[in-house]
Amino acid sequence: MEDADLSQLAGKVNQLIQRIEQLKAENRLLLANERAWREERAHLIEKNELARQKVEAMISRLKALEQDT
């Protein structure tokens, strides 16, 4: 293999290494975003459940008031 071929090959290997590092950084960012979205989703589900319970309690109280009258 000639020096030019080796030099070209080394350049391509360096490009691949840079691309791998870029993809690793992108992957870390995506995983962090996914974690944040999952936490937000869990929080919203919890808030939704609390709201549902409050609405059910209000309905029960209204039914009780309706029966008292």
PDB file of N, CA and C in Angstrom:
ATOM      1  N   MET A   1       0.850  -1.172   0.000  1.00  0.00           N
ATOM      2  CA  MET A   1       0.000   0.000   0.000  1.00  0.00           C
ATOM      3  C   MET A   1       0.898   1.237   0.000  1.00  0.00           C
ATOM      4  N   GLU A   2       0.537   2.201  -0.775  1.00  0.00           N
ATOM      5  CA  GLU A   2       1.336   3.412  -0.879  1.00  0.00           C
ATOM      6  C   GLU A   2       1.021   4.353   0.271  1.00  0.00           C
ATOM      7  N   ASP A   3       1.935   5.306   0.458  1.00  0.00           N
ATOM      8  CA  ASP A   3       1.743   6.285   1.528  1.00  0.00           C
ATOM      9  C   ASP A   3       0.460   7.088   1.330  1.00  0.00           C
ATOM     10  N   ALA A   4       0.144   7.396   0.084  1.00  0.00           N
ATOM     11  CA  ALA A   4      -1.076   8.160  -0.203  1.00  0.00           C
ATOM     12  C   ALA A   4      -2.312   7.358   0.189  1.00  0.00           C
ATOM     13  N   ASP A   5      -2.288   6.057  -0.093  1.00  0.00           N
ATOM     14  CA  ASP A   5      -3.412   5.191   0.267  1.00  0.00           C
ATOM     15  C   ASP A   5      -3.559   5.103   1.786  1.00  0.00           C
ATOM     16  N   LEU A   6      -2.420   4.946   2.467  1.00  0.00           N
ATOM     17  CA  LEU A   6      -2.445   4.864   3.931  1.00  0.00           C
ATOM     18  C   LEU A   6      -2.941   6.175   4.536  1.00  0.00           C
ATOM     19  N   SER A   7      -2.498   7.264   3.960  1.00  0.00           N
ATOM     20  CA  SER A   7      -2.914   8.572   4.447  1.00  0.00           C
ATOM     21  C   SER A   7      -4.418   8.766   4.237  1.00  0.00           C
ATOM     22  N   GLN A   8      -4.907   8.346   3.079  1.00  0.00           N
ATOM     23  CA  GLN A   8      -6.340   8.452   2.785  1.00  0.00           C
ATOM     24  C   GLN A   8      -7.143   7.559   3.727  1.00  0.00           C
ATOM     25  N   LEU A   9      -6.642   6.364   3.965  1.00  0.00           N
ATOM     26  CA  LEU A   9      -7.307   5.436   4.877  1.00  0.00           C
ATOM     27  C   LEU A   9      -7.330   6.003   6.296  1.00  0.00           C
ATOM     28  N   ALA A  10      -6.216   6.572   6.729  1.00  0.00           N
ATOM     29  CA  ALA A  10      -6.143   7.165   8.066  1.00  0.00           C
ATOM     30  C   ALA A  10      -7.129   8.323   8.174  1.00  0.00           C
ATOM     31  N   GLY A  11      -7.256   9.102   7.121  1.00  0.00           N
ATOM     32  CA  GLY A  11      -8.215  10.204   7.132  1.00  0.00           C
ATOM     33  C   GLY A  11      -9.637   9.710   7.264  1.00  0.00           C
ATOM     34  N   LYS A  12      -9.962   8.645   6.557  1.00  0.00           N
ATOM     35  CA  LYS A  12     -11.311   8.077   6.637  1.00  0.00           C
ATOM     36  C   LYS A  12     -11.585   7.495   8.022  1.00  0.00           C
ATOM     37  N   VAL A  13     -10.578   6.848   8.590  1.00  0.00           N
ATOM     38  CA  VAL A  13     -10.730   6.291   9.946  1.00  0.00           C
ATOM     39  C   VAL A  13     -10.981   7.423  10.936  1.00  0.00           C
ATOM     40  N   ASN A  14     -10.248   8.523  10.788  1.00  0.00           N
ATOM     41  CA  ASN A  14     -10.453   9.673  11.680  1.00  0.00           C
ATOM     42  C   ASN A  14     -11.851  10.256  11.511  1.00  0.00           C
ATOM     43  N   GLN A  15     -12.340  10.311  10.280  1.00  0.00           N
ATOM     44  CA  GLN A  15     -13.700  10.795  10.043  1.00  0.00           C
ATOM     45  C   GLN A  15     -14.725   9.888  10.715  1.00  0.00           C
ATOM     46  N   LEU A  16     -14.487   8.581  10.619  1.00  0.00           N
ATOM     47  CA  LEU A  16     -15.398   7.627  11.261  1.00  0.00           C
ATOM     48  C   LEU A  16     -15.389   7.793  12.779  1.00  0.00           C
ATOM     49  N   ILE A  17     -14.210   7.996  13.331  1.00  0.00           N
ATOM     50  CA  ILE A  17     -14.100   8.191  14.784  1.00  0.00           C
ATOM     51  C   ILE A  17     -14.847   9.449  15.204  1.00  0.00           C
ATOM     52  N   GLN A  18     -14.682  10.521  14.431  1.00  0.00           N
ATOM     53  CA  GLN A  18     -15.410  11.759  14.737  1.00  0.00           C
ATOM     54  C   GLN A  18     -16.918  11.549  14.641  1.00  0.00           C
ATOM     55  N   ARG A  19     -17.339  10.825  13.632  1.00  0.00           N
ATOM     56  CA  ARG A  19     -18.780  10.555  13.451  1.00  0.00           C
ATOM     57  C   ARG A  19     -19.313   9.723  14.614  1.00  0.00           C
ATOM     58  N   ILE A  20     -18.540   8.752  15.060  1.00  0.00           N
ATOM     59  CA  ILE A  20     -18.953   7.919  16.197  1.00  0.00           C
ATOM     60  C   ILE A  20     -19.117   8.783  17.437  1.00  0.00           C
ATOM     61  N   GLU A  21     -18.166   9.675  17.679  1.00  0.00           N
ATOM     62  CA  GLU A  21     -18.258  10.557  18.847  1.00  0.00           C
ATOM     63  C   GLU A  21     -19.479  11.470  18.742  1.00  0.00           C
ATOM     64  N   GLN A  22     -19.741  11.961  17.548  1.00  0.00           N
ATOM     65  CA  GLN A  22     -20.915  12.808  17.327  1.00  0.00           C
ATOM     66  C   GLN A  22     -22.198  12.016  17.603  1.00  0.00           C
ATOM     67  N   LEU A  23     -22.264  10.793  17.121  1.00  0.00           N
ATOM     68  CA  LEU A  23     -23.453   9.960  17.336  1.00  0.00           C
ATOM     69  C   LEU A  23     -23.613   9.599  18.811  1.00  0.00           C
ATOM     70  N   LYS A  24     -22.512   9.375  19.498  1.00  0.00           N
ATOM     71  CA  LYS A  24     -22.586   9.084  20.939  1.00  0.00           C
ATOM     72  C   LYS A  24     -23.165  10.282  21.692  1.00  0.00           C
ATOM     73  N   ALA A  25     -22.694  11.485  21.340  1.00  0.00           N
ATOM     74  CA  ALA A  25     -23.203  12.692  21.997  1.00  0.00           C
ATOM     75  C   ALA A  25     -24.688  12.881  21.687  1.00  0.00           C
ATOM     76  N   GLU A  26     -25.067  12.655  20.442  1.00  0.00           N
ATOM     77  CA  GLU A  26     -26.472  12.753  20.045  1.00  0.00           C
ATOM     78  C   GLU A  26     -27.322  11.751  20.815  1.00  0.00           C
ATOM     79  N   ASN A  27     -26.806  10.547  20.947  1.00  0.00           N
ATOM     80  CA  ASN A  27     -27.524   9.487  21.655  1.00  0.00           C
ATOM     81  C   ASN A  27     -27.716   9.850  23.127  1.00  0.00           C
ATOM     82  N   ARG A  28     -26.677  10.404  23.749  1.00  0.00           N
ATOM     83  CA  ARG A  28     -26.806  10.822  25.154  1.00  0.00           C
ATOM     84  C   ARG A  28     -27.876  11.890  25.294  1.00  0.00           C
ATOM     85  N   LEU A  29     -27.899  12.840  24.355  1.00  0.00           N
ATOM     86  CA  LEU A  29     -28.903  13.898  24.386  1.00  0.00           C
ATOM     87  C   LEU A  29     -30.311  13.326  24.212  1.00  0.00           C
ATOM     88  N   LEU A  30     -30.456  12.410  23.275  1.00  0.00           N
ATOM     89  CA  LEU A  30     -31.767  11.795  23.045  1.00  0.00           C
ATOM     90  C   LEU A  30     -32.229  11.007  24.268  1.00  0.00           C
ATOM     91  N   LEU A  31     -31.308  10.294  24.891  1.00  0.00           N
ATOM     92  CA  LEU A  31     -31.671   9.532  26.092  1.00  0.00           C
ATOM     93  C   LEU A  31     -32.072  10.461  27.233  1.00  0.00           C
ATOM     94  N   ALA A  32     -31.372  11.574  27.372  1.00  0.00           N
ATOM     95  CA  ALA A  32     -31.726  12.544  28.412  1.00  0.00           C
ATOM     96  C   ALA A  32     -33.107  13.136  28.123  1.00  0.00           C
ATOM     97  N   ASN A  33     -33.365  13.456  26.858  1.00  0.00           N
ATOM     98  CA  ASN A  33     -34.690  13.982  26.483  1.00  0.00           C
ATOM     99  C   ASN A  33     -35.780  12.963  26.753  1.00  0.00           C
ATOM    100  N   GLU A  34     -35.503  11.706  26.423  1.00  0.00           N
ATOM    101  CA  GLU A  34     -36.492  10.655  26.669  1.00  0.00           C
ATOM    102  C   GLU A  34     -36.778  10.539  28.164  1.00  0.00           C
ATOM    103  N   ARG A  35     -35.740  10.580  28.968  1.00  0.00           N
ATOM    104  CA  ARG A  35     -35.905  10.491  30.419  1.00  0.00           C
ATOM    105  C   ARG A  35     -36.773  11.658  30.910  1.00  0.00           C
ATOM    106  N   ALA A  36     -36.516  12.851  30.408  1.00  0.00           N
ATOM    107  CA  ALA A  36     -37.296  14.029  30.817  1.00  0.00           C
ATOM    108  C   ALA A  36     -38.758  13.879  30.400  1.00  0.00           C
ATOM    109  N   TRP A  37     -38.980  13.409  29.160  1.00  0.00           N
ATOM    110  CA  TRP A  37     -40.362  13.215  28.697  1.00  0.00           C
ATOM    111  C   TRP A  37     -41.074  12.165  29.538  1.00  0.00           C
ATOM    112  N   ARG A  38     -40.376  11.088  29.892  1.00  0.00           N
ATOM    113  CA  ARG A  38     -41.004  10.047  30.715  1.00  0.00           C
ATOM    114  C   ARG A  38     -41.376  10.584  32.102  1.00  0.00           C
ATOM    115  N   GLU A  39     -40.479  11.394  32.673  1.00  0.00           N
ATOM    116  CA  GLU A  39     -40.773  11.983  33.982  1.00  0.00           C
ATOM    117  C   GLU A  39     -41.967  12.926  33.895  1.00  0.00           C
ATOM    118  N   GLU A  40     -41.986  13.742  32.840  1.00  0.00           N
ATOM    119  CA  GLU A  40     -43.115  14.661  32.656  1.00  0.00           C
ATOM    120  C   GLU A  40     -44.410  13.880  32.457  1.00  0.00           C
ATOM    121  N   ARG A  41     -44.347  12.808  31.687  1.00  0.00           N
ATOM    122  CA  ARG A  41     -45.534  11.985  31.439  1.00  0.00           C
ATOM    123  C   ARG A  41     -46.058  11.392  32.748  1.00  0.00           C
ATOM    124  N   ALA A  42     -45.139  10.879  33.564  1.00  0.00           N
ATOM    125  CA  ALA A  42     -45.539  10.297  34.851  1.00  0.00           C
ATOM    126  C   ALA A  42     -46.185  11.369  35.730  1.00  0.00           C
ATOM    127  N   HIS A  43     -45.621  12.566  35.711  1.00  0.00           N
ATOM    128  CA  HIS A  43     -46.177  13.666  36.503  1.00  0.00           C
ATOM    129  C   HIS A  43     -47.577  14.029  36.009  1.00  0.00           C
ATOM    130  N   LEU A  44     -47.756  14.092  34.701  1.00  0.00           N
ATOM    131  CA  LEU A  44     -49.063  14.426  34.145  1.00  0.00           C
ATOM    132  C   LEU A  44     -50.095  13.336  34.437  1.00  0.00           C
ATOM    133  N   ILE A  45     -49.679  12.089  34.376  1.00  0.00           N
ATOM    134  CA  ILE A  45     -50.588  10.989  34.716  1.00  0.00           C
ATOM    135  C   ILE A  45     -51.025  11.100  36.171  1.00  0.00           C
ATOM    136  N   GLU A  46     -50.074  11.438  37.034  1.00  0.00           N
ATOM    137  CA  GLU A  46     -50.382  11.593  38.456  1.00  0.00           C
ATOM    138  C   GLU A  46     -51.372  12.750  38.669  1.00  0.00           C
ATOM    139  N   LYS A  47     -51.127  13.883  37.997  1.00  0.00           N
ATOM    140  CA  LYS A  47     -52.043  15.023  38.114  1.00  0.00           C
ATOM    141  C   LYS A  47     -53.422  14.675  37.571  1.00  0.00           C
ATOM    142  N   ASN A  48     -53.468  13.944  36.477  1.00  0.00           N
ATOM    143  CA  ASN A  48     -54.739  13.535  35.881  1.00  0.00           C
ATOM    144  C   ASN A  48     -55.511  12.639  36.840  1.00  0.00           C
ATOM    145  N   GLU A  49     -54.828  11.725  37.471  1.00  0.00           N
ATOM    146  CA  GLU A  49     -55.483  10.826  38.425  1.00  0.00           C
ATOM    147  C   GLU A  49     -56.038  11.614  39.610  1.00  0.00           C
ATOM    148  N   LEU A  50     -55.269  12.569  40.098  1.00  0.00           N
ATOM    149  CA  LEU A  50     -55.727  13.397  41.213  1.00  0.00           C
ATOM    150  C   LEU A  50     -56.961  14.199  40.812  1.00  0.00           C
ATOM    151  N   ALA A  51     -56.940  14.759  39.617  1.00  0.00           N
ATOM    152  CA  ALA A  51     -58.096  15.521  39.126  1.00  0.00           C
ATOM    153  C   ALA A  51     -59.314  14.614  38.985  1.00  0.00           C
ATOM    154  N   ARG A  52     -59.113  13.408  38.491  1.00  0.00           N
ATOM    155  CA  ARG A  52     -60.216  12.450  38.342  1.00  0.00           C
ATOM    156  C   ARG A  52     -60.829  12.130  39.707  1.00  0.00           C
ATOM    157  N   GLN A  53     -59.986  11.921  40.692  1.00  0.00           N
ATOM    158  CA  GLN A  53     -60.478  11.614  42.033  1.00  0.00           C
ATOM    159  C   GLN A  53     -61.276  12.782  42.609  1.00  0.00           C
ATOM    160  N   LYS A  54     -60.789  13.998  42.368  1.00  0.00           N
ATOM    161  CA  LYS A  54     -61.507  15.174  42.869  1.00  0.00           C
ATOM    162  C   LYS A  54     -62.864  15.319  42.196  1.00  0.00           C
ATOM    163  N   VAL A  55     -62.910  15.098  40.887  1.00  0.00           N
ATOM    164  CA  VAL A  55     -64.177  15.190  40.159  1.00  0.00           C
ATOM    165  C   VAL A  55     -65.150  14.117  40.656  1.00  0.00           C
ATOM    166  N   GLU A  56     -64.661  12.911  40.859  1.00  0.00           N
ATOM    167  CA  GLU A  56     -65.523  11.837  41.377  1.00  0.00           C
ATOM    168  C   GLU A  56     -66.052  12.188  42.765  1.00  0.00           C
ATOM    169  N   ALA A  57     -65.203  12.793  43.603  1.00  0.00           N
ATOM    170  CA  ALA A  57     -65.652  13.191  44.938  1.00  0.00           C
ATOM    171  C   ALA A  57     -66.713  14.277  44.843  1.00  0.00           C
ATOM    172  N   MET A  58     -66.525  15.234  43.940  1.00  0.00           N
ATOM    173  CA  MET A  58     -67.537  16.294  43.756  1.00  0.00           C
ATOM    174  C   MET A  58     -68.853  15.703  43.285  1.00  0.00           C
ATOM    175  N   ILE A  59     -68.798  14.777  42.350  1.00  0.00           N
ATOM    176  CA  ILE A  59     -70.018  14.140  41.847  1.00  0.00           C
ATOM    177  C   ILE A  59     -70.731  13.413  42.978  1.00  0.00           C
ATOM    178  N   SER A  60     -69.974  12.719  43.805  1.00  0.00           N
ATOM    179  CA  SER A  60     -70.573  12.005  44.940  1.00  0.00           C
ATOM    180  C   SER A  60     -71.246  12.978  45.900  1.00  0.00           C
ATOM    181  N   ARG A  61     -70.576  14.092  46.177  1.00  0.00           N
ATOM    182  CA  ARG A  61     -71.172  15.086  47.087  1.00  0.00           C
ATOM    183  C   ARG A  61     -72.438  15.694  46.469  1.00  0.00           C
ATOM    184  N   LEU A  62     -72.404  15.960  45.172  1.00  0.00           N
ATOM    185  CA  LEU A  62     -73.588  16.514  44.512  1.00  0.00           C
ATOM    186  C   LEU A  62     -74.747  15.525  44.547  1.00  0.00           C
ATOM    187  N   LYS A  63     -74.442  14.263  44.331  1.00  0.00           N
ATOM    188  CA  LYS A  63     -75.506  13.248  44.397  1.00  0.00           C
ATOM    189  C   LYS A  63     -76.078  13.165  45.808  1.00  0.00           C
ATOM    190  N   ALA A  64     -75.193  13.258  46.804  1.00  0.00           N
ATOM    191  CA  ALA A  64     -75.660  13.216  48.194  1.00  0.00           C
ATOM    192  C   ALA A  64     -76.533  14.429  48.494  1.00  0.00           C
ATOM    193  N   LEU A  65     -76.140  15.597  48.028  1.00  0.00           N
ATOM    194  CA  LEU A  65     -76.953  16.800  48.233  1.00  0.00           C
ATOM    195  C   LEU A  65     -78.287  16.677  47.527  1.00  0.00           C
ATOM    196  N   GLU A  66     -78.274  16.111  46.347  1.00  0.00           N
ATOM    197  CA  GLU A  66     -79.502  15.940  45.567  1.00  0.00           C
ATOM    198  C   GLU A  66     -80.465  15.015  46.276  1.00  0.00           C
ATOM    199  N   GLN A  67     -79.945  13.978  46.909  1.00  0.00           N
ATOM    200  CA  GLN A  67     -80.802  13.029  47.628  1.00  0.00           C
ATOM    201  C   GLN A  67     -81.353  13.629  48.912  1.00  0.00           C
ATOM    202  N   ASP A  68     -80.604  14.567  49.498  1.00  0.00           N
ATOM    203  CA  ASP A  68     -81.053  15.217  50.737  1.00  0.00           C
ATOM    204  C   ASP A  68     -82.187  16.185  50.488  1.00  0.00           C
ATOM    205  N   THR A  69     -82.336  16.677  49.266  1.00  0.00           N
ATOM    206  CA  THR A  69     -83.375  17.686  49.007  1.00  0.00           C
ATOM    207  C   THR A  69     -84.654  17.076  48.524  1.00  0.00           C
TER     208      THR A  69
END
